[in-house]
Amino acid sequence: MTTPLPTKPPEDDYPYDPDPASRPYGPDLEPGDYVFVEDADGVVHVLHESPFGHQPPKILGGNRPAAAAGGLRVGPGGVIMEIDNYSGTFRFGAEIFPQVRDALTRQGGQVAAGAERYFPH
């Protein structure tokens, strides 16, 4: 059994229902912009970016804590072109980038060199 990653709870403590479109990241993801949350087990879950803004608390739902959160831009061929830490709900720093990159690779993703984009909170 692997050791769970350190997590923190969402700043918004409302127990949102998980969005039914939320799913673990996979290399079959269509090109586009996504919101992601990495859980304590190191699995990155995604939800297509909404016209209503970022919805990270709805990815896992139930006010569950996260090990990382932000956004992904997936390009042609499923290549992850950008990973950011933009999340007002969880507010992680740049320290999440290596673990998110590793998790996406473990989940079958290909991450472009220099994909990390830091967002200062």
N, C-alpha and C. Protein backbone atom coordinates (compact mmCIF):
# COMPACT_ATOMS: atom_id res chain seq x y z
N MET A 1 0.85 -1.18 0.00
CA MET A 1 0.00 0.00 0.00
C MET A 1 0.89 1.24 0.00
N THR A 2 0.55 2.22 -0.84
CA THR A 2 1.32 3.45 -0.89
C THR A 2 0.86 4.42 0.19
N THR A 3 1.76 5.28 0.58
CA THR A 3 1.45 6.30 1.58
C THR A 3 0.61 7.39 0.93
N PRO A 4 -0.50 7.78 1.54
CA PRO A 4 -1.32 8.84 0.97
C PRO A 4 -0.53 10.15 0.89
N LEU A 5 -0.81 10.93 -0.13
CA LEU A 5 -0.20 12.25 -0.27
C LEU A 5 -0.79 13.20 0.77
N PRO A 6 -0.01 14.21 1.19
CA PRO A 6 -0.60 15.22 2.08
C PRO A 6 -1.69 15.98 1.32
N THR A 7 -2.76 16.29 2.03
CA THR A 7 -3.89 16.99 1.42
C THR A 7 -4.28 18.19 2.25
N LYS A 8 -5.13 19.01 1.67
CA LYS A 8 -5.77 20.07 2.43
C LYS A 8 -7.22 20.17 2.01
N PRO A 9 -8.07 20.61 2.95
CA PRO A 9 -9.50 20.70 2.63
C PRO A 9 -9.77 21.91 1.74
N PRO A 10 -10.89 21.89 1.04
CA PRO A 10 -11.26 23.06 0.25
C PRO A 10 -11.58 24.24 1.17
N GLU A 11 -11.32 25.45 0.69
CA GLU A 11 -11.66 26.64 1.48
C GLU A 11 -13.16 26.84 1.55
N ASP A 12 -13.87 26.37 0.55
CA ASP A 12 -15.33 26.39 0.53
C ASP A 12 -15.80 25.07 1.12
N ASP A 13 -16.41 25.09 2.30
CA ASP A 13 -16.75 23.83 2.98
C ASP A 13 -18.13 23.27 2.63
N TYR A 14 -18.75 23.77 1.55
CA TYR A 14 -20.03 23.23 1.13
C TYR A 14 -19.82 21.82 0.56
N PRO A 15 -20.62 20.84 0.96
CA PRO A 15 -20.43 19.46 0.49
C PRO A 15 -21.05 19.21 -0.90
N TYR A 16 -20.46 19.80 -1.93
CA TYR A 16 -20.99 19.65 -3.29
C TYR A 16 -21.14 18.19 -3.69
N ASP A 17 -22.17 17.92 -4.48
CA ASP A 17 -22.29 16.61 -5.10
C ASP A 17 -21.24 16.53 -6.21
N PRO A 18 -20.62 15.37 -6.40
CA PRO A 18 -19.67 15.26 -7.51
C PRO A 18 -20.39 15.44 -8.85
N ASP A 19 -19.75 16.12 -9.76
CA ASP A 19 -20.30 16.28 -11.10
C ASP A 19 -20.23 14.93 -11.80
N PRO A 20 -21.31 14.46 -12.41
CA PRO A 20 -21.28 13.15 -13.06
C PRO A 20 -20.29 13.07 -14.23
N ALA A 21 -19.86 14.21 -14.75
CA ALA A 21 -18.89 14.20 -15.86
C ALA A 21 -17.45 14.12 -15.36
N SER A 22 -17.24 14.23 -14.05
CA SER A 22 -15.90 14.13 -13.48
C SER A 22 -15.39 12.70 -13.65
N ARG A 23 -14.10 12.58 -13.99
CA ARG A 23 -13.53 11.25 -14.22
C ARG A 23 -12.03 11.29 -13.99
N PRO A 24 -11.42 10.13 -13.74
CA PRO A 24 -9.97 10.10 -13.68
C PRO A 24 -9.38 10.48 -15.04
N TYR A 25 -8.26 11.20 -15.02
CA TYR A 25 -7.59 11.55 -16.27
C TYR A 25 -7.21 10.28 -17.02
N GLY A 26 -7.31 10.33 -18.33
CA GLY A 26 -6.85 9.25 -19.19
C GLY A 26 -6.35 9.84 -20.49
N PRO A 27 -5.49 9.12 -21.21
CA PRO A 27 -4.92 9.65 -22.44
C PRO A 27 -5.94 9.84 -23.57
N ASP A 28 -7.16 9.36 -23.38
CA ASP A 28 -8.21 9.52 -24.38
C ASP A 28 -8.97 10.83 -24.24
N LEU A 29 -8.54 11.70 -23.34
CA LEU A 29 -9.21 12.98 -23.11
C LEU A 29 -9.18 13.83 -24.38
N GLU A 30 -10.30 14.39 -24.74
CA GLU A 30 -10.40 15.26 -25.91
C GLU A 30 -9.61 16.54 -25.67
N PRO A 31 -9.08 17.16 -26.73
CA PRO A 31 -8.42 18.46 -26.55
C PRO A 31 -9.38 19.47 -25.92
N GLY A 32 -8.83 20.33 -25.08
CA GLY A 32 -9.64 21.36 -24.43
C GLY A 32 -9.07 21.74 -23.09
N ASP A 33 -9.82 22.57 -22.38
CA ASP A 33 -9.42 23.05 -21.07
C ASP A 33 -10.20 22.30 -19.99
N TYR A 34 -9.46 21.89 -18.96
CA TYR A 34 -10.02 21.09 -17.88
C TYR A 34 -9.60 21.63 -16.53
N VAL A 35 -10.40 21.36 -15.53
CA VAL A 35 -10.06 21.59 -14.14
C VAL A 35 -9.65 20.22 -13.60
N PHE A 36 -8.65 20.20 -12.71
CA PHE A 36 -8.24 18.92 -12.14
C PHE A 36 -8.12 19.01 -10.63
N VAL A 37 -8.26 17.87 -9.99
CA VAL A 37 -7.98 17.70 -8.57
C VAL A 37 -7.25 16.36 -8.45
N GLU A 38 -6.14 16.36 -7.72
CA GLU A 38 -5.43 15.12 -7.42
C GLU A 38 -5.85 14.68 -6.03
N ASP A 39 -6.27 13.43 -5.89
CA ASP A 39 -6.70 12.94 -4.59
C ASP A 39 -5.51 12.42 -3.77
N ALA A 40 -5.77 12.00 -2.56
CA ALA A 40 -4.72 11.55 -1.65
C ALA A 40 -3.99 10.31 -2.16
N ASP A 41 -4.63 9.54 -3.03
CA ASP A 41 -4.00 8.35 -3.61
C ASP A 41 -3.17 8.67 -4.84
N GLY A 42 -3.09 9.95 -5.22
CA GLY A 42 -2.28 10.33 -6.36
C GLY A 42 -2.97 10.19 -7.70
N VAL A 43 -4.30 10.08 -7.70
CA VAL A 43 -5.06 9.98 -8.95
C VAL A 43 -5.57 11.37 -9.31
N VAL A 44 -5.29 11.77 -10.55
CA VAL A 44 -5.77 13.07 -11.05
C VAL A 44 -7.14 12.86 -11.69
N HIS A 45 -8.12 13.61 -11.19
CA HIS A 45 -9.49 13.59 -11.70
C HIS A 45 -9.72 14.90 -12.45
N VAL A 46 -10.48 14.85 -13.54
CA VAL A 46 -10.70 16.03 -14.37
C VAL A 46 -12.17 16.27 -14.63
N LEU A 47 -12.45 17.52 -14.98
CA LEU A 47 -13.78 17.95 -15.37
C LEU A 47 -13.58 19.03 -16.42
N HIS A 48 -14.31 18.94 -17.52
CA HIS A 48 -14.18 19.94 -18.57
C HIS A 48 -14.45 21.32 -17.97
N GLU A 49 -13.64 22.30 -18.36
CA GLU A 49 -13.81 23.67 -17.86
C GLU A 49 -15.22 24.14 -18.20
N SER A 50 -15.86 24.76 -17.24
CA SER A 50 -17.24 25.22 -17.38
C SER A 50 -17.28 26.70 -17.77
N PRO A 51 -18.30 27.10 -18.52
CA PRO A 51 -18.45 28.53 -18.81
C PRO A 51 -18.75 29.32 -17.53
N PHE A 52 -19.09 28.61 -16.46
CA PHE A 52 -19.37 29.25 -15.18
C PHE A 52 -18.12 29.36 -14.31
N GLY A 53 -16.96 28.99 -14.84
CA GLY A 53 -15.71 29.09 -14.10
C GLY A 53 -15.25 27.76 -13.56
N HIS A 54 -14.12 27.83 -12.85
CA HIS A 54 -13.53 26.63 -12.24
C HIS A 54 -14.52 26.00 -11.25
N GLN A 55 -14.59 24.70 -11.25
CA GLN A 55 -15.49 23.98 -10.34
C GLN A 55 -14.76 22.87 -9.59
N PRO A 56 -13.56 23.12 -9.01
CA PRO A 56 -12.82 22.03 -8.36
C PRO A 56 -13.57 21.30 -7.26
N PRO A 57 -14.42 21.97 -6.44
CA PRO A 57 -15.07 21.19 -5.39
C PRO A 57 -16.06 20.17 -5.92
N LYS A 58 -16.47 20.31 -7.18
CA LYS A 58 -17.42 19.35 -7.76
C LYS A 58 -16.71 18.15 -8.41
N ILE A 59 -15.39 18.19 -8.49
CA ILE A 59 -14.68 17.08 -9.14
C ILE A 59 -14.72 15.85 -8.24
N LEU A 60 -14.33 16.00 -6.99
CA LEU A 60 -14.40 14.88 -6.04
C LEU A 60 -15.71 14.91 -5.25
N GLY A 61 -16.21 16.11 -5.00
CA GLY A 61 -17.45 16.29 -4.25
C GLY A 61 -17.31 15.98 -2.77
N GLY A 62 -18.37 16.24 -2.04
CA GLY A 62 -18.44 15.89 -0.63
C GLY A 62 -17.42 16.59 0.26
N ASN A 63 -16.91 17.74 -0.17
CA ASN A 63 -15.94 18.50 0.63
C ASN A 63 -14.66 17.70 0.90
N ARG A 64 -14.30 16.82 -0.05
CA ARG A 64 -13.10 15.99 0.10
C ARG A 64 -11.83 16.82 -0.08
N PRO A 65 -10.79 16.51 0.67
CA PRO A 65 -9.53 17.22 0.54
C PRO A 65 -8.80 16.81 -0.74
N ALA A 66 -7.82 17.65 -1.12
CA ALA A 66 -7.05 17.39 -2.34
C ALA A 66 -5.56 17.50 -2.06
N ALA A 67 -4.78 16.78 -2.87
CA ALA A 67 -3.32 16.86 -2.81
C ALA A 67 -2.80 17.90 -3.79
N ALA A 68 -3.61 18.26 -4.79
CA ALA A 68 -3.26 19.27 -5.78
C ALA A 68 -4.53 19.64 -6.53
N ALA A 69 -4.54 20.83 -7.11
CA ALA A 69 -5.68 21.27 -7.90
C ALA A 69 -5.23 22.38 -8.84
N GLY A 70 -5.94 22.49 -9.95
CA GLY A 70 -5.62 23.54 -10.91
C GLY A 70 -6.30 23.27 -12.23
N GLY A 71 -5.62 23.64 -13.31
CA GLY A 71 -6.17 23.48 -14.65
C GLY A 71 -5.21 22.76 -15.57
N LEU A 72 -5.76 22.14 -16.59
CA LEU A 72 -5.00 21.46 -17.63
C LEU A 72 -5.47 21.94 -18.99
N ARG A 73 -4.56 22.09 -19.91
CA ARG A 73 -4.91 22.31 -21.31
C ARG A 73 -4.38 21.11 -22.08
N VAL A 74 -5.30 20.40 -22.71
CA VAL A 74 -4.96 19.21 -23.49
C VAL A 74 -5.01 19.59 -24.96
N GLY A 75 -3.93 19.28 -25.66
CA GLY A 75 -3.82 19.60 -27.08
C GLY A 75 -4.08 18.40 -27.96
N PRO A 76 -3.82 18.56 -29.25
CA PRO A 76 -3.99 17.45 -30.19
C PRO A 76 -3.18 16.23 -29.78
N GLY A 77 -3.73 15.07 -30.02
CA GLY A 77 -3.06 13.83 -29.67
C GLY A 77 -3.05 13.55 -28.18
N GLY A 78 -3.85 14.32 -27.42
CA GLY A 78 -3.93 14.11 -25.98
C GLY A 78 -2.73 14.62 -25.19
N VAL A 79 -1.83 15.36 -25.83
CA VAL A 79 -0.65 15.89 -25.13
C VAL A 79 -1.09 17.01 -24.19
N ILE A 80 -0.62 16.94 -22.96
CA ILE A 80 -0.93 17.97 -21.96
C ILE A 80 0.02 19.13 -22.21
N MET A 81 -0.55 20.23 -22.69
CA MET A 81 0.23 21.40 -23.08
C MET A 81 0.48 22.35 -21.91
N GLU A 82 -0.44 22.34 -20.94
CA GLU A 82 -0.30 23.25 -19.81
C GLU A 82 -0.90 22.64 -18.56
N ILE A 83 -0.19 22.83 -17.44
CA ILE A 83 -0.67 22.48 -16.10
C ILE A 83 -0.54 23.75 -15.29
N ASP A 84 -1.62 24.17 -14.62
CA ASP A 84 -1.49 25.34 -13.75
C ASP A 84 -2.01 25.01 -12.36
N ASN A 85 -1.75 25.89 -11.43
CA ASN A 85 -2.19 25.70 -10.05
C ASN A 85 -3.34 26.65 -9.70
N TYR A 86 -4.07 27.10 -10.70
CA TYR A 86 -5.15 28.06 -10.49
C TYR A 86 -6.35 27.37 -9.85
N SER A 87 -6.55 27.63 -8.57
CA SER A 87 -7.70 27.12 -7.84
C SER A 87 -7.92 27.98 -6.62
N GLY A 88 -9.00 28.74 -6.62
CA GLY A 88 -9.35 29.53 -5.45
C GLY A 88 -9.89 28.67 -4.32
N THR A 89 -10.28 27.44 -4.64
CA THR A 89 -10.83 26.53 -3.65
C THR A 89 -9.74 25.88 -2.81
N PHE A 90 -8.61 25.54 -3.45
CA PHE A 90 -7.55 24.82 -2.74
C PHE A 90 -6.27 25.64 -2.56
N ARG A 91 -5.94 26.51 -3.50
CA ARG A 91 -4.79 27.43 -3.40
C ARG A 91 -3.45 26.74 -3.11
N PHE A 92 -3.07 25.86 -4.00
CA PHE A 92 -1.75 25.24 -3.92
C PHE A 92 -0.74 26.11 -4.64
N GLY A 93 0.53 25.93 -4.30
CA GLY A 93 1.62 26.64 -4.95
C GLY A 93 2.28 25.77 -6.01
N ALA A 94 3.44 26.24 -6.46
CA ALA A 94 4.20 25.55 -7.51
C ALA A 94 4.73 24.19 -7.06
N GLU A 95 4.73 23.91 -5.76
CA GLU A 95 5.25 22.64 -5.25
C GLU A 95 4.47 21.43 -5.78
N ILE A 96 3.26 21.65 -6.28
CA ILE A 96 2.45 20.53 -6.77
C ILE A 96 2.87 20.03 -8.15
N PHE A 97 3.58 20.85 -8.92
CA PHE A 97 3.85 20.50 -10.32
C PHE A 97 4.55 19.15 -10.51
N PRO A 98 5.62 18.84 -9.78
CA PRO A 98 6.27 17.53 -10.00
C PRO A 98 5.34 16.35 -9.72
N GLN A 99 4.56 16.41 -8.65
CA GLN A 99 3.69 15.26 -8.32
C GLN A 99 2.55 15.14 -9.32
N VAL A 100 2.03 16.27 -9.82
CA VAL A 100 0.95 16.21 -10.81
C VAL A 100 1.49 15.67 -12.13
N ARG A 101 2.65 16.14 -12.55
CA ARG A 101 3.28 15.65 -13.78
C ARG A 101 3.49 14.13 -13.68
N ASP A 102 4.01 13.66 -12.54
CA ASP A 102 4.22 12.22 -12.34
C ASP A 102 2.92 11.44 -12.39
N ALA A 103 1.88 11.97 -11.74
CA ALA A 103 0.59 11.28 -11.72
C ALA A 103 0.00 11.19 -13.12
N LEU A 104 0.05 12.29 -13.87
CA LEU A 104 -0.49 12.27 -15.23
C LEU A 104 0.26 11.27 -16.11
N THR A 105 1.56 11.19 -15.94
CA THR A 105 2.36 10.23 -16.70
C THR A 105 1.99 8.80 -16.32
N ARG A 106 1.83 8.55 -15.01
CA ARG A 106 1.41 7.22 -14.56
C ARG A 106 0.05 6.84 -15.12
N GLN A 107 -0.80 7.84 -15.32
CA GLN A 107 -2.14 7.60 -15.83
C GLN A 107 -2.18 7.57 -17.36
N GLY A 108 -1.01 7.53 -17.98
CA GLY A 108 -0.93 7.37 -19.43
C GLY A 108 -0.77 8.64 -20.22
N GLY A 109 -0.61 9.77 -19.54
CA GLY A 109 -0.49 11.05 -20.23
C GLY A 109 0.91 11.35 -20.72
N GLN A 110 0.97 12.23 -21.69
CA GLN A 110 2.23 12.76 -22.19
C GLN A 110 2.20 14.26 -21.90
N VAL A 111 3.14 14.73 -21.09
CA VAL A 111 3.17 16.14 -20.68
C VAL A 111 4.28 16.84 -21.45
N ALA A 112 3.95 17.94 -22.12
CA ALA A 112 4.93 18.71 -22.88
C ALA A 112 5.97 19.32 -21.95
N ALA A 113 7.17 19.46 -22.44
CA ALA A 113 8.23 20.14 -21.68
C ALA A 113 7.80 21.57 -21.40
N GLY A 114 8.06 22.04 -20.18
CA GLY A 114 7.73 23.42 -19.82
C GLY A 114 6.24 23.70 -19.70
N ALA A 115 5.43 22.67 -19.45
CA ALA A 115 3.98 22.83 -19.39
C ALA A 115 3.50 23.57 -18.14
N GLU A 116 4.31 23.64 -17.10
CA GLU A 116 3.87 24.22 -15.84
C GLU A 116 3.73 25.73 -15.94
N ARG A 117 2.57 26.24 -15.48
CA ARG A 117 2.31 27.67 -15.45
C ARG A 117 1.87 28.03 -14.03
N TYR A 118 2.69 28.80 -13.35
CA TYR A 118 2.42 29.17 -11.95
C TYR A 118 1.43 30.32 -11.89
N PHE A 119 0.44 30.18 -11.02
CA PHE A 119 -0.52 31.24 -10.74
C PHE A 119 -0.34 31.68 -9.30
N PRO A 120 0.09 32.93 -9.06
CA PRO A 120 0.24 33.40 -7.68
C PRO A 120 -1.13 33.71 -7.08
N HIS A 121 -1.38 33.19 -5.92
CA HIS A 121 -2.69 33.42 -5.26
C HIS A 121 -2.65 34.69 -4.45
